[in-house]
């Protein structure tokens, strides 16, 4: 049996379905109608049309050649997915374009305001553990004062830190980049602080425990101490400016940093008061992976958002040493992605949906494998779909 596949039509992102006798169509009975849909919505739309009684005459790859289609539905068709509804803001629903959409422009994004040879010197305001008793490792929330300078940033950017002291070669330490965990207004909402979520790096070498230079410096630095800061840098992880966007977040460990900034901007009462031009109305879905419950970061904040915005925020945890996956092994974030694949792909079908992934680089293969399997079940190829999402500015990855 033929299975409708994205690979059947090549990389074009827009498809035109030619049909006849579509129930509810404004066309007269027996008339011809053409429906243009994004490639990622082709599978679901094709199945929905068949179930409505429409006769599919063909599918056009972009605006060129037509591929004849079988009149029986593809095996394993997913539940009907309607074209994207109008959002609560009254804005028109997303419309397919004639070619792959360009990445959305972000205005006024500051970059490299301070460089390694002339860093900004901030002052530590607070340095507190984020972990509960029984947690593994050491993770701190470090907040620094930026007043007296011009270090500005937006959610999703990173800053560089130059630790005190000299490297083994006698030269100053090189900068280490850290994702910013606060909104542009800072945790105090005054616009003059920046916060980081820092895990102390520790590893064994030749039987000796080695502490990471910069992460240890940041976890140990006391309030009042100076810290050399560079940046900000990065435009890869910026939030869409659309208030009706859907945002899926995949984070492990301190990869929660940019996600915490996004969620504060979306749901924190003080932030919403500071942002009259941005009132998030979309869906935000956080997948968080940690080894134990005491290792969950910013848990109280996220629970408050769940209580205040149950229709807009969803929170799914993968606690590897406490939860089991469907095969009886440890529960990692890729298992949660596989578990909710239907809902994730229904959201991906909407061009208002963005996916963000942040954490250790080792999380990428597992996520990719889960997405490959989920896409294949829908007659799609993740290796084709992922670059399309990337080109459209909807797939954002920052791993280390």
Protein backbone atom coordinates (compact mmCIF):
# COMPACT_ATOMS: atom_id res chain seq x y z
CA UNK A 1 0.00 0.00 0.00
CA UNK A 2 1.29 3.43 -0.86
CA UNK A 3 2.20 5.61 2.12
CA UNK A 4 2.29 9.35 1.55
CA UNK A 5 5.81 10.52 2.32
CA UNK A 6 7.55 13.87 2.36
CA UNK A 7 10.43 12.20 0.56
CA UNK A 8 8.12 11.45 -2.37
CA UNK A 9 8.05 15.08 -3.34
CA UNK A 10 11.49 16.45 -2.55
CA UNK A 11 12.39 19.38 -0.29
CA UNK A 12 9.75 21.91 -1.44
CA UNK A 13 7.86 23.20 1.56
CA UNK A 14 4.56 24.01 -0.14
CA UNK A 15 2.22 21.50 -1.79
CA UNK A 16 -1.02 22.03 -3.77
CA UNK A 17 -3.74 19.40 -3.57
CA UNK A 18 -6.20 19.34 -6.49
CA UNK A 19 -9.59 17.89 -5.50
CA UNK A 20 -13.18 17.47 -6.59
CA UNK A 21 -16.54 17.19 -4.74
CA UNK A 22 -15.14 18.50 -1.45
CA UNK A 23 -17.92 18.64 1.13
CA UNK A 24 -18.46 22.17 2.30
CA UNK A 25 -16.37 23.69 -0.49
CA UNK A 26 -17.55 26.97 -2.02
CA UNK A 27 -16.95 25.37 -5.41
CA UNK A 28 -20.07 23.97 -7.17
CA UNK A 29 -20.74 20.24 -7.04
CA UNK A 30 -18.29 18.46 -9.29
CA UNK A 31 -16.10 21.56 -9.44
CA UNK A 32 -12.34 21.62 -9.13
CA UNK A 33 -10.62 23.14 -6.13
CA UNK A 34 -6.97 23.60 -5.25
CA UNK A 35 -5.78 23.66 -1.65
CA UNK A 36 -2.26 24.82 -0.79
CA UNK A 37 -0.69 23.46 2.41
CA UNK A 38 2.79 23.38 3.97
CA UNK A 39 4.65 20.13 3.33
CA UNK A 40 4.61 19.26 7.03
CA UNK A 41 0.79 19.35 6.97
CA UNK A 42 0.40 17.32 3.78
CA UNK A 43 -0.05 13.90 5.43
CA UNK A 44 -2.80 15.00 7.84
CA UNK A 45 -4.59 17.23 5.32
CA UNK A 46 -4.62 14.52 2.65
CA UNK A 47 -6.18 12.02 5.05
CA UNK A 48 -8.76 14.56 6.24
CA UNK A 49 -9.85 15.34 2.68
CA UNK A 50 -10.29 11.68 1.84
CA UNK A 51 -12.42 11.12 4.91
CA UNK A 52 -14.58 14.11 3.94
CA UNK A 53 -15.50 12.45 0.65
CA UNK A 54 -13.28 14.53 -1.61
CA UNK A 55 -11.83 12.99 -4.75
CA UNK A 56 -8.10 13.71 -4.89
CA UNK A 57 -7.02 14.40 -8.47
CA UNK A 58 -3.36 15.06 -7.77
CA UNK A 59 -0.73 16.77 -5.64
CA UNK A 60 1.47 19.50 -7.05
CA UNK A 61 5.02 19.75 -5.77
CA UNK A 62 5.33 23.49 -5.26
CA UNK A 63 4.15 25.12 -8.50
CA UNK A 64 5.67 22.56 -10.89
CA UNK A 65 4.93 18.95 -11.79
CA UNK A 66 1.92 17.01 -10.47
CA UNK A 67 2.23 13.59 -8.84
CA UNK A 68 -0.83 11.37 -9.20
CA UNK A 69 -2.15 10.07 -5.88
CA UNK A 70 -4.00 6.87 -4.99
CA UNK A 71 -7.65 7.29 -4.05
CA UNK A 72 -7.37 5.12 -0.94
CA UNK A 73 -6.10 6.77 2.22
CA UNK A 74 -2.51 6.26 3.35
CA UNK A 75 -1.93 3.56 5.91
CA UNK A 76 -1.86 4.74 9.48
CA UNK A 77 -3.28 8.20 8.71
CA UNK A 78 -3.26 10.37 11.79
CA UNK A 79 -6.34 12.05 13.23
CA UNK A 80 -7.69 14.93 11.17
CA UNK A 81 -5.81 18.17 11.59
CA UNK A 82 -7.71 21.21 10.47
CA UNK A 83 -5.98 24.22 8.98
CA UNK A 84 -4.71 26.46 11.77
CA UNK A 85 -7.58 28.33 13.44
CA UNK A 86 -7.59 32.06 13.93
CA UNK A 87 -5.89 32.98 17.19
CA UNK A 88 -7.55 34.68 20.12
CA UNK A 89 -5.87 37.94 19.22
CA UNK A 90 -8.01 38.27 16.11
CA UNK A 91 -4.95 37.94 13.88
CA UNK A 92 -5.39 35.85 10.74
CA UNK A 93 -4.32 32.21 10.92
CA UNK A 94 -0.93 31.27 9.53
CA UNK A 95 -1.05 30.95 5.76
CA UNK A 96 1.20 28.82 3.60
CA UNK A 97 3.59 30.82 1.45
CA UNK A 98 4.76 30.16 -2.06
CA UNK A 99 8.21 29.24 -0.80
CA UNK A 100 9.93 28.42 2.46
CA UNK A 101 9.44 31.35 4.84
CA UNK A 102 12.49 33.29 5.90
CA UNK A 103 13.48 33.53 9.54
CA UNK A 104 11.58 36.21 11.38
CA UNK A 105 13.61 39.36 11.91
CA UNK A 106 14.31 40.50 15.46
CA UNK A 107 14.76 44.20 15.92
CA UNK A 108 17.21 45.81 18.32
CA UNK A 109 19.13 42.70 19.36
CA UNK A 110 22.35 43.82 21.06
CA UNK A 111 25.49 41.85 20.19
CA UNK A 112 29.09 42.11 21.45
CA UNK A 113 28.66 45.32 23.41
CA UNK A 114 31.62 44.25 25.54
CA UNK A 115 34.56 42.26 24.20
CA UNK A 116 37.27 40.16 25.93
CA UNK A 117 39.88 42.92 25.79
CA UNK A 118 37.49 45.43 27.36
CA UNK A 119 34.93 43.50 29.42
CA UNK A 120 32.25 44.98 31.58
CA UNK A 121 32.92 44.50 35.27
CA UNK A 122 29.73 43.57 37.08
CA UNK A 123 29.24 42.91 40.75
CA UNK A 124 27.68 39.79 42.25
CA UNK A 125 24.39 40.53 44.00
CA UNK A 126 23.50 36.99 45.07
CA UNK A 127 24.76 33.44 44.61
CA UNK A 128 22.34 30.74 45.75
CA UNK A 129 22.01 26.98 45.36
CA UNK A 130 19.09 25.86 43.19
CA UNK A 131 19.11 22.28 44.46
CA UNK A 132 17.12 20.57 47.17
CA UNK A 133 18.55 18.17 49.75
CA UNK A 134 19.60 14.88 48.19
CA UNK A 135 20.38 16.34 44.75
CA UNK A 136 23.35 15.28 42.67
CA UNK A 137 26.09 17.84 42.00
CA UNK A 138 26.07 21.56 42.51
CA UNK A 139 23.96 24.14 40.64
CA UNK A 140 23.74 27.83 41.55
CA UNK A 141 21.69 30.83 40.46
CA UNK A 142 24.12 33.75 40.18
CA UNK A 143 22.80 37.32 39.78
CA UNK A 144 25.09 40.21 38.85
CA UNK A 145 24.62 43.97 38.85
CA UNK A 146 24.98 45.64 35.44
CA UNK A 147 24.36 49.23 36.49
CA UNK A 148 26.92 51.78 35.42
CA UNK A 149 27.38 50.26 31.96
CA UNK A 150 25.58 49.51 28.71
CA UNK A 151 25.30 45.73 28.86
CA UNK A 152 21.84 44.96 27.44
CA UNK A 153 20.45 41.61 26.30
CA UNK A 154 17.27 39.80 25.31
CA UNK A 155 15.90 36.38 26.21
CA UNK A 156 17.79 33.53 24.56
CA UNK A 157 21.19 35.23 24.43
CA UNK A 158 24.39 34.32 26.27
CA UNK A 159 27.14 36.24 28.01
CA UNK A 160 30.81 35.43 28.41
CA UNK A 161 32.52 35.19 31.78
CA UNK A 162 36.27 35.62 32.30
CA UNK A 163 37.19 33.88 35.56
CA UNK A 164 39.71 35.46 37.89
CA UNK A 165 43.32 34.31 37.89
CA UNK A 166 45.63 33.05 35.16
CA UNK A 167 45.66 29.91 33.07
CA UNK A 168 48.53 27.42 33.18
CA UNK A 169 50.27 29.35 30.38
CA UNK A 170 50.33 32.49 32.53
CA UNK A 171 47.74 34.29 30.42
CA UNK A 172 44.23 35.36 31.46
CA UNK A 173 41.61 32.64 31.26
CA UNK A 174 39.57 32.44 28.09
CA UNK A 175 35.90 33.36 28.23
CA UNK A 176 33.24 30.75 28.86
CA UNK A 177 29.75 31.32 27.49
CA UNK A 178 26.66 30.86 29.66
CA UNK A 179 23.02 31.04 28.61
CA UNK A 180 21.20 33.87 30.36
CA UNK A 181 18.51 32.71 32.79
CA UNK A 182 16.80 36.07 33.30
CA UNK A 183 14.63 38.27 31.11
CA UNK A 184 15.89 41.55 29.69
CA UNK A 185 14.46 43.24 32.78
CA UNK A 186 16.42 41.04 35.15
CA UNK A 187 15.09 39.22 38.18
CA UNK A 188 14.49 42.55 39.93
CA UNK A 189 12.59 43.93 36.87
CA UNK A 190 14.76 47.07 36.98
CA UNK A 191 16.70 46.25 33.82
CA UNK A 192 20.10 46.40 35.50
CA UNK A 193 20.91 42.77 36.40
CA UNK A 194 21.66 39.47 34.67
CA UNK A 195 21.31 35.96 36.08
CA UNK A 196 22.99 32.67 35.20
CA UNK A 197 22.20 29.05 36.02
CA UNK A 198 25.59 27.39 36.62
CA UNK A 199 26.46 23.76 37.28
CA UNK A 200 29.91 23.12 38.69
CA UNK A 201 31.81 20.94 36.24
CA UNK A 202 33.65 18.07 37.92
CA UNK A 203 35.38 15.09 36.31
CA UNK A 204 38.03 12.48 37.04
CA UNK A 205 41.46 12.51 35.36
CA UNK A 206 44.22 10.09 36.26
CA UNK A 207 42.44 9.30 39.50
CA UNK A 208 42.18 12.95 40.48
CA UNK A 209 38.99 15.01 40.67
CA UNK A 210 39.19 18.09 38.45
CA UNK A 211 36.95 21.11 38.97
CA UNK A 212 35.96 23.23 35.98
CA UNK A 213 37.71 26.59 36.14
CA UNK A 214 34.89 28.98 35.32
CA UNK A 215 31.98 27.00 36.71
CA UNK A 216 33.77 26.63 40.06
CA UNK A 217 34.66 30.31 40.03
CA UNK A 218 31.00 31.25 39.51
CA UNK A 219 29.65 28.80 42.08
CA UNK A 220 32.13 30.12 44.67
CA UNK A 221 32.11 33.86 43.90
CA UNK A 222 30.65 35.76 46.88
CA UNK A 223 28.18 38.68 46.82
CA UNK A 224 30.00 41.97 46.27
CA UNK A 225 32.79 40.42 44.20
CA UNK A 226 33.57 41.74 40.70
CA UNK A 227 33.04 39.58 37.61
CA UNK A 228 34.33 40.31 34.10
CA UNK A 229 31.53 39.95 31.55
CA UNK A 230 31.52 40.01 27.74
CA UNK A 231 28.77 39.98 25.13
CA UNK A 232 25.95 39.48 24.81
CA UNK A 233 26.05 37.02 21.92
CA UNK A 234 23.65 34.82 20.02
CA UNK A 235 20.53 35.10 17.89
CA UNK A 236 19.83 31.37 17.49
CA UNK A 237 17.64 30.98 20.59
CA UNK A 238 15.54 34.14 20.42
CA UNK A 239 11.83 33.89 21.08
CA UNK A 240 9.42 34.63 18.24
CA UNK A 241 7.80 38.02 18.61
CA UNK A 242 4.40 36.53 17.80
CA UNK A 243 2.34 36.50 21.01
CA UNK A 244 0.26 33.60 19.64
CA UNK A 245 3.24 31.36 18.88
CA UNK A 246 3.51 27.85 20.28
CA UNK A 247 6.82 27.13 22.02
CA UNK A 248 8.04 23.58 22.72
CA UNK A 249 11.09 23.53 25.01
CA UNK A 250 13.40 20.53 25.48
CA UNK A 251 15.90 21.02 28.31
CA UNK A 252 18.25 18.96 30.42
CA UNK A 253 20.00 20.24 33.54
CA UNK A 254 21.21 23.82 33.26
CA UNK A 255 19.85 23.88 29.71
CA UNK A 256 16.79 25.19 31.54
CA UNK A 257 18.42 28.65 31.66
CA UNK A 258 16.96 30.16 28.45
CA UNK A 259 13.67 28.33 29.02
CA UNK A 260 13.36 29.95 32.44
CA UNK A 261 13.85 33.35 30.79
CA UNK A 262 11.18 32.56 28.17
CA UNK A 263 8.68 31.40 30.78
CA UNK A 264 9.26 34.43 32.99
CA UNK A 265 8.65 36.70 30.02
CA UNK A 266 5.48 34.79 29.17
CA UNK A 267 3.93 34.28 32.60
CA UNK A 268 5.63 36.15 35.44
CA UNK A 269 3.18 38.81 36.75
CA UNK A 270 5.86 41.47 37.05
CA UNK A 271 7.17 40.75 33.58
CA UNK A 272 3.72 40.91 32.03
CA UNK A 273 3.23 44.30 33.66
CA UNK A 274 6.55 45.47 32.20
CA UNK A 275 5.65 44.24 28.71
CA UNK A 276 2.42 45.95 27.58
CA UNK A 277 3.35 45.18 23.97
CA UNK A 278 3.84 41.45 24.59
CA UNK A 279 1.05 39.37 26.14
CA UNK A 280 1.72 35.71 25.40
CA UNK A 281 -1.41 33.80 24.35
CA UNK A 282 0.07 30.71 22.71
CA UNK A 283 0.99 27.30 24.08
CA UNK A 284 4.24 26.80 25.99
CA UNK A 285 5.27 23.19 26.64
CA UNK A 286 8.38 22.44 28.70
CA UNK A 287 10.06 19.02 28.69
CA UNK A 288 12.62 18.91 31.51
CA UNK A 289 15.16 16.13 32.08
CA UNK A 290 16.99 15.68 35.43
CA UNK A 291 18.41 12.70 37.36
CA UNK A 292 16.38 13.15 40.57
CA UNK A 293 13.48 15.23 41.87
CA UNK A 294 15.78 17.39 44.07
CA UNK A 295 17.62 18.33 40.85
CA UNK A 296 14.55 20.03 39.36
CA UNK A 297 15.41 23.70 38.84
CA UNK A 298 13.06 26.70 39.30
CA UNK A 299 10.30 24.28 40.26
CA UNK A 300 8.36 26.75 42.38
CA UNK A 301 8.26 29.29 39.55
CA UNK A 302 7.03 26.73 37.02
CA UNK A 303 4.36 25.41 39.37
CA UNK A 304 3.05 28.95 39.87
CA UNK A 305 2.74 29.36 36.09
CA UNK A 306 0.84 26.08 35.87
CA UNK A 307 -1.63 27.33 38.46
CA UNK A 308 -2.09 30.74 36.86
CA UNK A 309 -2.06 29.71 33.16
CA UNK A 310 -3.25 26.08 32.90
CA UNK A 311 -4.48 26.62 29.33
CA UNK A 312 -1.17 28.06 28.13
CA UNK A 313 1.57 26.20 30.00
CA UNK A 314 2.31 22.49 30.10
CA UNK A 315 5.17 20.88 32.03
CA UNK A 316 6.45 17.34 31.40
CA UNK A 317 9.32 15.88 33.43
CA UNK A 318 11.75 13.05 32.73
CA UNK A 319 13.41 12.07 36.02
CA UNK A 320 15.87 9.42 34.95
CA UNK A 321 16.69 7.77 38.27
CA UNK A 322 13.14 7.70 39.55
CA UNK A 323 10.90 7.07 36.54
CA UNK A 324 10.79 4.16 34.09
CA UNK A 325 10.24 4.33 30.35
CA UNK A 326 7.90 1.98 28.47
CA UNK A 327 10.67 -0.62 28.20
CA UNK A 328 11.45 -0.58 31.90
CA UNK A 329 14.68 1.43 31.61
CA UNK A 330 15.48 4.89 32.87
CA UNK A 331 13.23 7.71 31.74
CA UNK A 332 15.10 10.26 29.64
CA UNK A 333 13.75 13.25 27.80
CA UNK A 334 13.71 11.44 24.43
CA UNK A 335 11.31 8.88 25.92
CA UNK A 336 8.91 11.67 26.84
CA UNK A 337 9.19 13.07 23.32
CA UNK A 338 8.31 9.64 21.91
CA UNK A 339 5.45 9.29 24.39
CA UNK A 340 3.85 12.57 23.26
CA UNK A 341 4.85 12.34 19.59
CA UNK A 342 1.29 12.70 18.27
CA UNK A 343 0.68 15.97 20.10
CA UNK A 344 4.14 17.30 19.28
CA UNK A 345 3.72 16.65 15.56
CA UNK A 346 0.23 18.14 15.54
CA UNK A 347 1.83 21.32 16.89
CA UNK A 348 4.72 21.12 14.42
CA UNK A 349 2.09 21.10 11.67
CA UNK A 350 1.31 24.70 12.64
CA UNK A 351 3.81 27.20 11.29
CA UNK A 352 3.39 29.21 14.48
CA UNK A 353 5.19 26.47 16.44
CA UNK A 354 8.85 26.80 17.46
CA UNK A 355 11.01 24.11 19.08
CA UNK A 356 13.93 24.90 21.40
CA UNK A 357 16.52 22.44 22.68
CA UNK A 358 19.21 23.30 25.22
CA UNK A 359 21.50 21.19 27.39
CA UNK A 360 24.36 18.73 27.07
CA UNK A 361 25.24 17.80 23.49
CA UNK A 362 24.62 14.17 24.39
CA UNK A 363 20.86 14.82 24.42
CA UNK A 364 20.76 15.47 20.67
CA UNK A 365 21.06 11.87 19.34
CA UNK A 366 18.27 10.64 21.60
CA UNK A 367 15.94 13.48 20.59
CA UNK A 368 16.76 12.93 16.92
CA UNK A 369 16.02 9.21 17.21
CA UNK A 370 12.66 9.90 18.84
CA UNK A 371 11.77 12.42 16.14
CA UNK A 372 12.91 10.08 13.35
CA UNK A 373 10.62 7.35 14.64
CA UNK A 374 7.69 9.70 15.18
CA UNK A 375 8.08 11.27 11.74
CA UNK A 376 8.36 7.87 10.01
CA UNK A 377 5.07 6.79 11.60
CA UNK A 378 3.49 9.70 9.71
CA UNK A 379 5.17 8.98 6.39
CA UNK A 380 7.69 11.80 6.90
CA UNK A 381 11.46 11.94 7.12
CA UNK A 382 12.92 13.87 10.04
CA UNK A 383 16.20 14.38 8.17
CA UNK A 384 14.17 16.33 5.58
CA UNK A 385 11.80 18.05 7.98
CA UNK A 386 14.39 19.26 10.49
CA UNK A 387 16.37 21.41 8.00
CA UNK A 388 13.10 22.86 6.75
CA UNK A 389 12.16 23.87 10.29
CA UNK A 390 15.67 25.28 10.75
CA UNK A 391 15.44 27.31 7.56
CA UNK A 392 12.08 28.68 8.63
CA UNK A 393 13.58 29.75 11.97
CA UNK A 394 11.46 27.27 13.94
CA UNK A 395 14.10 24.78 15.16
CA UNK A 396 16.49 26.27 17.71
CA UNK A 397 19.35 24.32 19.29
CA UNK A 398 22.03 25.29 21.78
CA UNK A 399 24.00 22.38 23.23
CA UNK A 400 27.43 22.17 24.84
